[in-house]
N, C-alpha and C. Protein backbone atom coordinates (compact mmCIF):
# COMPACT_ATOMS: atom_id res chain seq x y z
N MET A 1 82.63 123.97 79.53
CA MET A 1 82.38 122.58 79.82
C MET A 1 82.93 122.28 81.22
N ALA A 2 82.09 121.75 82.07
CA ALA A 2 82.48 121.46 83.44
C ALA A 2 83.28 120.16 83.53
N ILE A 3 82.98 119.20 82.69
CA ILE A 3 83.69 117.93 82.67
C ILE A 3 84.78 118.02 81.60
N GLU A 4 86.01 117.76 82.00
CA GLU A 4 87.11 117.82 81.05
C GLU A 4 87.96 116.56 81.03
N LYS A 5 88.37 116.08 82.21
CA LYS A 5 89.29 114.94 82.29
C LYS A 5 88.56 113.69 82.77
N ILE A 6 88.78 112.61 82.04
CA ILE A 6 88.09 111.35 82.32
C ILE A 6 89.10 110.21 82.33
N ILE A 7 88.92 109.27 83.28
CA ILE A 7 89.69 108.02 83.28
C ILE A 7 88.72 106.89 82.94
N ILE A 8 89.17 106.01 82.07
CA ILE A 8 88.42 104.79 81.78
C ILE A 8 89.22 103.64 82.38
N LEU A 9 88.67 102.98 83.38
CA LEU A 9 89.31 101.81 83.99
C LEU A 9 88.48 100.60 83.59
N GLU A 10 88.96 99.90 82.57
CA GLU A 10 88.22 98.81 81.95
C GLU A 10 89.18 97.70 81.56
N GLY A 11 88.86 96.48 81.95
CA GLY A 11 89.72 95.34 81.63
C GLY A 11 89.61 94.87 80.19
N ASP A 12 88.46 95.04 79.56
CA ASP A 12 88.24 94.62 78.17
C ASP A 12 88.79 95.68 77.23
N SER A 13 89.86 95.33 76.50
CA SER A 13 90.55 96.32 75.67
C SER A 13 89.67 96.88 74.55
N SER A 14 88.82 96.07 73.94
CA SER A 14 87.99 96.59 72.85
C SER A 14 86.94 97.57 73.38
N LEU A 15 86.34 97.26 74.51
CA LEU A 15 85.37 98.19 75.11
C LEU A 15 86.07 99.47 75.57
N ARG A 16 87.26 99.31 76.15
CA ARG A 16 88.04 100.48 76.60
C ARG A 16 88.38 101.38 75.42
N ASN A 17 88.83 100.79 74.31
CA ASN A 17 89.18 101.57 73.13
C ASN A 17 87.96 102.25 72.50
N ASN A 18 86.84 101.54 72.43
CA ASN A 18 85.61 102.13 71.87
C ASN A 18 85.15 103.32 72.70
N LEU A 19 85.15 103.15 74.02
CA LEU A 19 84.72 104.23 74.90
C LEU A 19 85.70 105.41 74.81
N GLU A 20 86.98 105.11 74.77
CA GLU A 20 87.98 106.17 74.63
C GLU A 20 87.78 106.96 73.33
N ASN A 21 87.57 106.26 72.22
CA ASN A 21 87.36 106.93 70.94
C ASN A 21 86.11 107.81 70.96
N TYR A 22 85.04 107.30 71.55
CA TYR A 22 83.81 108.10 71.64
C TYR A 22 84.04 109.37 72.46
N LEU A 23 84.70 109.23 73.62
CA LEU A 23 84.93 110.39 74.49
C LEU A 23 85.88 111.39 73.85
N ARG A 24 86.86 110.92 73.13
CA ARG A 24 87.77 111.84 72.43
C ARG A 24 87.04 112.59 71.32
N ARG A 25 86.13 111.91 70.61
CA ARG A 25 85.33 112.59 69.60
C ARG A 25 84.46 113.68 70.23
N CYS A 26 84.08 113.47 71.49
CA CYS A 26 83.29 114.47 72.23
C CYS A 26 84.17 115.54 72.85
N ARG A 27 85.47 115.49 72.56
CA ARG A 27 86.46 116.49 72.98
C ARG A 27 86.80 116.45 74.48
N TYR A 28 86.81 115.26 75.06
CA TYR A 28 87.25 115.11 76.45
C TYR A 28 88.71 114.68 76.46
N ASP A 29 89.42 115.03 77.53
CA ASP A 29 90.78 114.58 77.77
C ASP A 29 90.66 113.22 78.48
N VAL A 30 91.13 112.15 77.84
CA VAL A 30 90.88 110.80 78.33
C VAL A 30 92.17 110.07 78.65
N ALA A 31 92.19 109.42 79.81
CA ALA A 31 93.27 108.51 80.19
C ALA A 31 92.65 107.13 80.34
N THR A 32 93.38 106.10 79.96
CA THR A 32 92.84 104.74 80.07
C THR A 32 93.74 103.88 80.94
N ALA A 33 93.11 102.90 81.58
CA ALA A 33 93.84 101.96 82.43
C ALA A 33 93.12 100.62 82.38
N SER A 34 93.90 99.56 82.51
CA SER A 34 93.30 98.23 82.55
C SER A 34 93.43 97.60 83.93
N THR A 35 94.14 98.28 84.83
CA THR A 35 94.31 97.76 86.19
C THR A 35 94.11 98.88 87.22
N ILE A 36 93.80 98.48 88.42
CA ILE A 36 93.62 99.43 89.52
C ILE A 36 94.93 100.15 89.80
N ALA A 37 96.05 99.44 89.70
CA ALA A 37 97.35 100.06 89.99
C ALA A 37 97.62 101.24 89.06
N VAL A 38 97.33 101.08 87.77
CA VAL A 38 97.55 102.18 86.82
C VAL A 38 96.60 103.33 87.11
N ALA A 39 95.35 103.02 87.43
CA ALA A 39 94.38 104.08 87.75
C ALA A 39 94.81 104.85 89.00
N ARG A 40 95.31 104.15 90.00
CA ARG A 40 95.79 104.83 91.22
C ARG A 40 96.94 105.79 90.88
N GLU A 41 97.79 105.36 89.96
CA GLU A 41 98.91 106.20 89.54
C GLU A 41 98.39 107.49 88.90
N TYR A 42 97.41 107.37 87.99
CA TYR A 42 96.80 108.56 87.37
C TYR A 42 96.19 109.47 88.43
N LEU A 43 95.44 108.88 89.35
CA LEU A 43 94.74 109.66 90.38
C LEU A 43 95.71 110.36 91.33
N SER A 44 96.88 109.78 91.52
CA SER A 44 97.86 110.41 92.41
C SER A 44 98.55 111.61 91.75
N LYS A 45 98.54 111.64 90.41
CA LYS A 45 99.24 112.70 89.70
C LYS A 45 98.35 113.87 89.29
N ASP A 46 97.04 113.64 89.16
CA ASP A 46 96.17 114.67 88.61
C ASP A 46 94.75 114.51 89.16
N ASN A 47 93.96 115.56 89.04
CA ASN A 47 92.55 115.50 89.39
C ASN A 47 91.74 115.22 88.14
N PHE A 48 90.78 114.33 88.26
CA PHE A 48 89.92 113.96 87.15
C PHE A 48 88.48 114.29 87.51
N ASP A 49 87.66 114.49 86.50
CA ASP A 49 86.26 114.84 86.73
C ASP A 49 85.37 113.60 86.81
N ILE A 50 85.66 112.60 86.00
CA ILE A 50 84.87 111.36 85.98
C ILE A 50 85.82 110.18 85.82
N ILE A 51 85.43 109.07 86.45
CA ILE A 51 86.11 107.80 86.20
C ILE A 51 85.04 106.77 85.86
N PHE A 52 85.22 106.10 84.72
CA PHE A 52 84.40 104.95 84.36
C PHE A 52 85.10 103.75 84.96
N LEU A 53 84.49 103.11 85.94
CA LEU A 53 85.15 102.10 86.76
C LEU A 53 84.44 100.75 86.63
N GLU A 54 85.15 99.79 86.07
CA GLU A 54 84.61 98.43 85.99
C GLU A 54 84.73 97.77 87.37
N LEU A 55 83.75 96.95 87.71
CA LEU A 55 83.78 96.30 89.02
C LEU A 55 84.75 95.12 89.07
N GLN A 56 84.80 94.29 88.01
CA GLN A 56 85.66 93.11 88.02
C GLN A 56 86.92 93.41 87.21
N LEU A 57 88.03 93.59 87.93
CA LEU A 57 89.29 93.93 87.27
C LEU A 57 90.33 92.85 87.56
N PRO A 58 91.35 92.75 86.71
CA PRO A 58 92.35 91.68 86.89
C PRO A 58 93.09 91.75 88.23
N ASP A 59 93.30 92.96 88.75
CA ASP A 59 94.08 93.08 89.98
C ASP A 59 93.26 93.50 91.20
N GLY A 60 91.95 93.34 91.14
CA GLY A 60 91.15 93.66 92.32
C GLY A 60 89.71 93.99 92.00
N ASP A 61 89.03 94.44 93.03
CA ASP A 61 87.61 94.76 92.94
C ASP A 61 87.43 96.26 92.79
N GLY A 62 86.72 96.67 91.77
CA GLY A 62 86.47 98.09 91.54
C GLY A 62 85.72 98.75 92.68
N ALA A 63 84.91 97.99 93.42
CA ALA A 63 84.16 98.54 94.56
C ALA A 63 85.13 99.03 95.65
N ASP A 64 86.25 98.35 95.81
CA ASP A 64 87.25 98.80 96.78
C ASP A 64 87.86 100.13 96.35
N LEU A 65 88.14 100.28 95.06
CA LEU A 65 88.68 101.55 94.56
C LEU A 65 87.65 102.66 94.71
N LEU A 66 86.38 102.34 94.52
CA LEU A 66 85.31 103.33 94.71
C LEU A 66 85.37 103.90 96.13
N LYS A 67 85.54 103.05 97.11
CA LYS A 67 85.63 103.50 98.51
C LYS A 67 86.86 104.38 98.72
N GLU A 68 87.98 104.01 98.11
CA GLU A 68 89.20 104.83 98.21
C GLU A 68 88.98 106.21 97.61
N ILE A 69 88.33 106.24 96.46
CA ILE A 69 88.09 107.51 95.77
C ILE A 69 87.20 108.42 96.62
N GLN A 70 86.21 107.86 97.28
CA GLN A 70 85.30 108.67 98.09
C GLN A 70 85.99 109.27 99.31
N ALA A 71 87.12 108.71 99.72
CA ALA A 71 87.88 109.24 100.85
C ALA A 71 88.81 110.38 100.45
N ARG A 72 88.97 110.61 99.15
CA ARG A 72 89.86 111.67 98.65
C ARG A 72 89.21 113.03 98.80
N PRO A 73 90.02 114.08 99.02
CA PRO A 73 89.45 115.43 99.09
C PRO A 73 88.91 115.90 97.72
N GLN A 74 89.62 115.62 96.64
CA GLN A 74 89.18 115.93 95.28
C GLN A 74 88.78 114.60 94.63
N LYS A 75 87.49 114.33 94.62
CA LYS A 75 87.07 113.05 94.08
C LYS A 75 86.29 113.21 92.78
N PRO A 76 86.62 112.38 91.79
CA PRO A 76 85.86 112.42 90.54
C PRO A 76 84.50 111.75 90.73
N LEU A 77 83.57 112.07 89.84
CA LEU A 77 82.32 111.33 89.79
C LEU A 77 82.66 109.94 89.28
N VAL A 78 82.06 108.92 89.88
CA VAL A 78 82.38 107.54 89.51
C VAL A 78 81.16 106.92 88.82
N VAL A 79 81.39 106.44 87.61
CA VAL A 79 80.37 105.71 86.87
C VAL A 79 80.80 104.25 86.84
N ILE A 80 80.04 103.40 87.52
CA ILE A 80 80.35 101.98 87.59
C ILE A 80 79.89 101.31 86.30
N THR A 81 80.75 100.46 85.74
CA THR A 81 80.37 99.65 84.58
C THR A 81 80.58 98.18 84.94
N THR A 82 79.62 97.35 84.56
CA THR A 82 79.73 95.94 84.87
C THR A 82 78.94 95.11 83.87
N SER A 83 79.37 93.88 83.67
CA SER A 83 78.64 92.99 82.79
C SER A 83 77.71 92.07 83.57
N SER A 84 77.90 92.01 84.86
CA SER A 84 77.06 91.13 85.70
C SER A 84 76.36 91.95 86.77
N GLY A 85 75.60 92.93 86.34
CA GLY A 85 74.94 93.83 87.28
C GLY A 85 73.74 93.20 87.96
N SER A 86 73.51 93.64 89.17
CA SER A 86 72.32 93.24 89.91
C SER A 86 71.81 94.45 90.67
N ILE A 87 70.57 94.39 91.09
CA ILE A 87 70.00 95.51 91.83
C ILE A 87 70.77 95.72 93.14
N GLY A 88 71.12 94.64 93.81
CA GLY A 88 71.87 94.74 95.06
C GLY A 88 73.23 95.40 94.87
N SER A 89 73.91 95.00 93.81
CA SER A 89 75.22 95.59 93.51
C SER A 89 75.08 97.08 93.19
N ALA A 90 74.08 97.42 92.40
CA ALA A 90 73.85 98.83 92.05
C ALA A 90 73.57 99.66 93.29
N VAL A 91 72.72 99.16 94.17
CA VAL A 91 72.38 99.89 95.39
C VAL A 91 73.62 100.07 96.25
N ASP A 92 74.43 99.03 96.40
CA ASP A 92 75.65 99.13 97.20
C ASP A 92 76.60 100.19 96.62
N CYS A 93 76.77 100.17 95.31
CA CYS A 93 77.68 101.13 94.68
C CYS A 93 77.18 102.56 94.84
N ILE A 94 75.89 102.78 94.66
CA ILE A 94 75.33 104.13 94.81
C ILE A 94 75.46 104.57 96.27
N LYS A 95 75.21 103.68 97.21
CA LYS A 95 75.38 104.02 98.63
C LYS A 95 76.82 104.40 98.95
N ASN A 96 77.77 103.77 98.25
CA ASN A 96 79.19 104.05 98.48
C ASN A 96 79.71 105.22 97.67
N GLY A 97 78.82 105.93 96.97
CA GLY A 97 79.23 107.17 96.33
C GLY A 97 79.27 107.18 94.82
N ALA A 98 78.89 106.09 94.16
CA ALA A 98 78.90 106.08 92.69
C ALA A 98 77.86 107.06 92.16
N PHE A 99 78.20 107.73 91.09
CA PHE A 99 77.29 108.68 90.46
C PHE A 99 76.27 107.97 89.58
N ASP A 100 76.71 106.93 88.88
CA ASP A 100 75.82 106.20 87.98
C ASP A 100 76.31 104.76 87.89
N TYR A 101 75.47 103.90 87.32
CA TYR A 101 75.75 102.47 87.24
C TYR A 101 75.26 101.99 85.88
N LEU A 102 76.18 101.54 85.02
CA LEU A 102 75.83 101.10 83.68
C LEU A 102 76.14 99.62 83.51
N ILE A 103 75.20 98.91 82.89
CA ILE A 103 75.40 97.49 82.62
C ILE A 103 75.83 97.33 81.16
N LYS A 104 76.91 96.58 80.96
CA LYS A 104 77.46 96.34 79.62
C LYS A 104 76.58 95.33 78.88
N PRO A 105 76.48 95.43 77.60
CA PRO A 105 77.05 96.47 76.74
C PRO A 105 76.17 97.72 76.79
N PHE A 106 76.80 98.88 76.81
CA PHE A 106 76.06 100.14 76.80
C PHE A 106 76.33 100.86 75.50
N SER A 107 75.42 101.74 75.14
CA SER A 107 75.52 102.44 73.85
C SER A 107 76.16 103.81 74.04
N ASP A 108 76.57 104.40 72.92
CA ASP A 108 77.09 105.77 72.97
C ASP A 108 76.03 106.71 73.51
N GLU A 109 74.77 106.43 73.19
CA GLU A 109 73.67 107.28 73.68
C GLU A 109 73.60 107.24 75.21
N GLN A 110 73.76 106.06 75.80
CA GLN A 110 73.75 105.95 77.27
C GLN A 110 74.92 106.72 77.87
N ILE A 111 76.08 106.64 77.25
CA ILE A 111 77.25 107.40 77.74
C ILE A 111 76.97 108.89 77.63
N GLY A 112 76.39 109.31 76.51
CA GLY A 112 76.04 110.72 76.33
C GLY A 112 75.09 111.22 77.41
N ILE A 113 74.08 110.42 77.73
CA ILE A 113 73.12 110.80 78.78
C ILE A 113 73.83 110.92 80.12
N THR A 114 74.70 109.95 80.42
CA THR A 114 75.45 109.99 81.69
C THR A 114 76.33 111.23 81.75
N LEU A 115 76.98 111.56 80.65
CA LEU A 115 77.85 112.75 80.63
C LEU A 115 77.04 114.04 80.80
N ARG A 116 75.87 114.11 80.17
CA ARG A 116 75.02 115.30 80.34
C ARG A 116 74.57 115.44 81.78
N LYS A 117 74.18 114.31 82.40
CA LYS A 117 73.80 114.35 83.82
C LYS A 117 74.97 114.80 84.69
N ALA A 118 76.15 114.31 84.38
CA ALA A 118 77.35 114.68 85.14
C ALA A 118 77.66 116.17 84.97
N GLU A 119 77.53 116.68 83.74
CA GLU A 119 77.75 118.12 83.48
C GLU A 119 76.78 118.95 84.32
N GLU A 120 75.50 118.59 84.29
CA GLU A 120 74.49 119.33 85.03
C GLU A 120 74.75 119.27 86.54
N PHE A 121 75.10 118.08 87.02
CA PHE A 121 75.38 117.91 88.44
C PHE A 121 76.58 118.75 88.87
N THR A 122 77.64 118.70 88.08
CA THR A 122 78.84 119.47 88.39
C THR A 122 78.55 120.97 88.40
N GLN A 123 77.76 121.41 87.43
CA GLN A 123 77.39 122.83 87.37
C GLN A 123 76.57 123.23 88.60
N LEU A 124 75.64 122.39 89.01
CA LEU A 124 74.83 122.69 90.20
C LEU A 124 75.69 122.78 91.46
N VAL A 125 76.67 121.88 91.56
CA VAL A 125 77.56 121.91 92.73
C VAL A 125 78.36 123.21 92.75
N ARG A 126 78.85 123.63 91.59
CA ARG A 126 79.64 124.88 91.51
C ARG A 126 78.78 126.09 91.86
N VAL A 127 77.57 126.15 91.34
CA VAL A 127 76.67 127.26 91.65
C VAL A 127 76.33 127.26 93.13
N ASN A 128 76.08 126.08 93.68
CA ASN A 128 75.77 125.98 95.11
C ASN A 128 76.92 126.50 95.96
N ARG A 129 78.15 126.12 95.61
CA ARG A 129 79.33 126.61 96.34
C ARG A 129 79.43 128.13 96.26
N LEU A 130 79.24 128.65 95.06
CA LEU A 130 79.32 130.09 94.84
C LEU A 130 78.27 130.82 95.67
N LEU A 131 77.05 130.33 95.65
CA LEU A 131 75.97 130.97 96.42
C LEU A 131 76.21 130.84 97.92
N SER A 132 76.76 129.73 98.35
CA SER A 132 77.06 129.55 99.78
C SER A 132 78.12 130.54 100.23
N GLU A 133 79.13 130.78 99.38
CA GLU A 133 80.17 131.75 99.72
C GLU A 133 79.60 133.16 99.79
N LYS A 134 78.72 133.51 98.89
CA LYS A 134 78.12 134.84 98.87
C LYS A 134 77.18 135.03 100.05
N THR A 135 76.52 133.98 100.49
CA THR A 135 75.60 134.08 101.62
C THR A 135 76.36 134.50 102.88
N ASP A 136 77.55 133.94 103.07
CA ASP A 136 78.36 134.31 104.24
C ASP A 136 78.69 135.79 104.23
N GLU A 137 78.97 136.35 103.07
CA GLU A 137 79.31 137.77 102.98
C GLU A 137 78.10 138.65 103.23
N CYS A 138 76.94 138.17 102.86
CA CYS A 138 75.72 138.98 102.96
C CYS A 138 75.12 139.00 104.35
N GLU A 139 75.60 138.21 105.28
CA GLU A 139 75.05 138.17 106.63
C GLU A 139 75.11 139.54 107.30
N HIS A 140 76.10 140.34 106.96
CA HIS A 140 76.35 141.58 107.66
C HIS A 140 75.70 142.80 106.99
N VAL A 141 74.93 142.55 105.96
CA VAL A 141 74.30 143.66 105.23
C VAL A 141 72.90 143.87 105.78
N LEU A 142 72.59 145.13 106.12
CA LEU A 142 71.24 145.47 106.57
C LEU A 142 70.44 146.02 105.41
N LEU A 143 69.27 145.51 105.26
CA LEU A 143 68.37 146.04 104.24
C LEU A 143 67.22 146.73 104.95
N GLY A 144 66.84 147.88 104.44
CA GLY A 144 65.76 148.59 105.12
C GLY A 144 64.87 149.30 104.16
């Protein structure tokens, strides 16, 4: 499994708990946060594969944290969650590096689809890196 560690940054405790329970049943290692400050603390201590990031949080704007995450050398895939989504907001988030954009309420099926897409994307990135490294080694080989 390419995706292992996930952070849920969600202000609504019932939605946060439901999503956490679903992800744990799917055998992911899950950390939860209700504020940007707590999420920053998690991100400073460990590398995560995905962060579910709400846009409207009690201590700030999730879009600002998205920009911070994209500046990191080890950045998780970011799935934006919002209850007041718009096409303009979605486009801005995707331009700023978000992997996906979900409008609340979302179903377990939607989360499953997003996780499968993330797994496939992560696997493609790893294969691409591996092939790129091998290409450099093969430059010096003559075939005849």
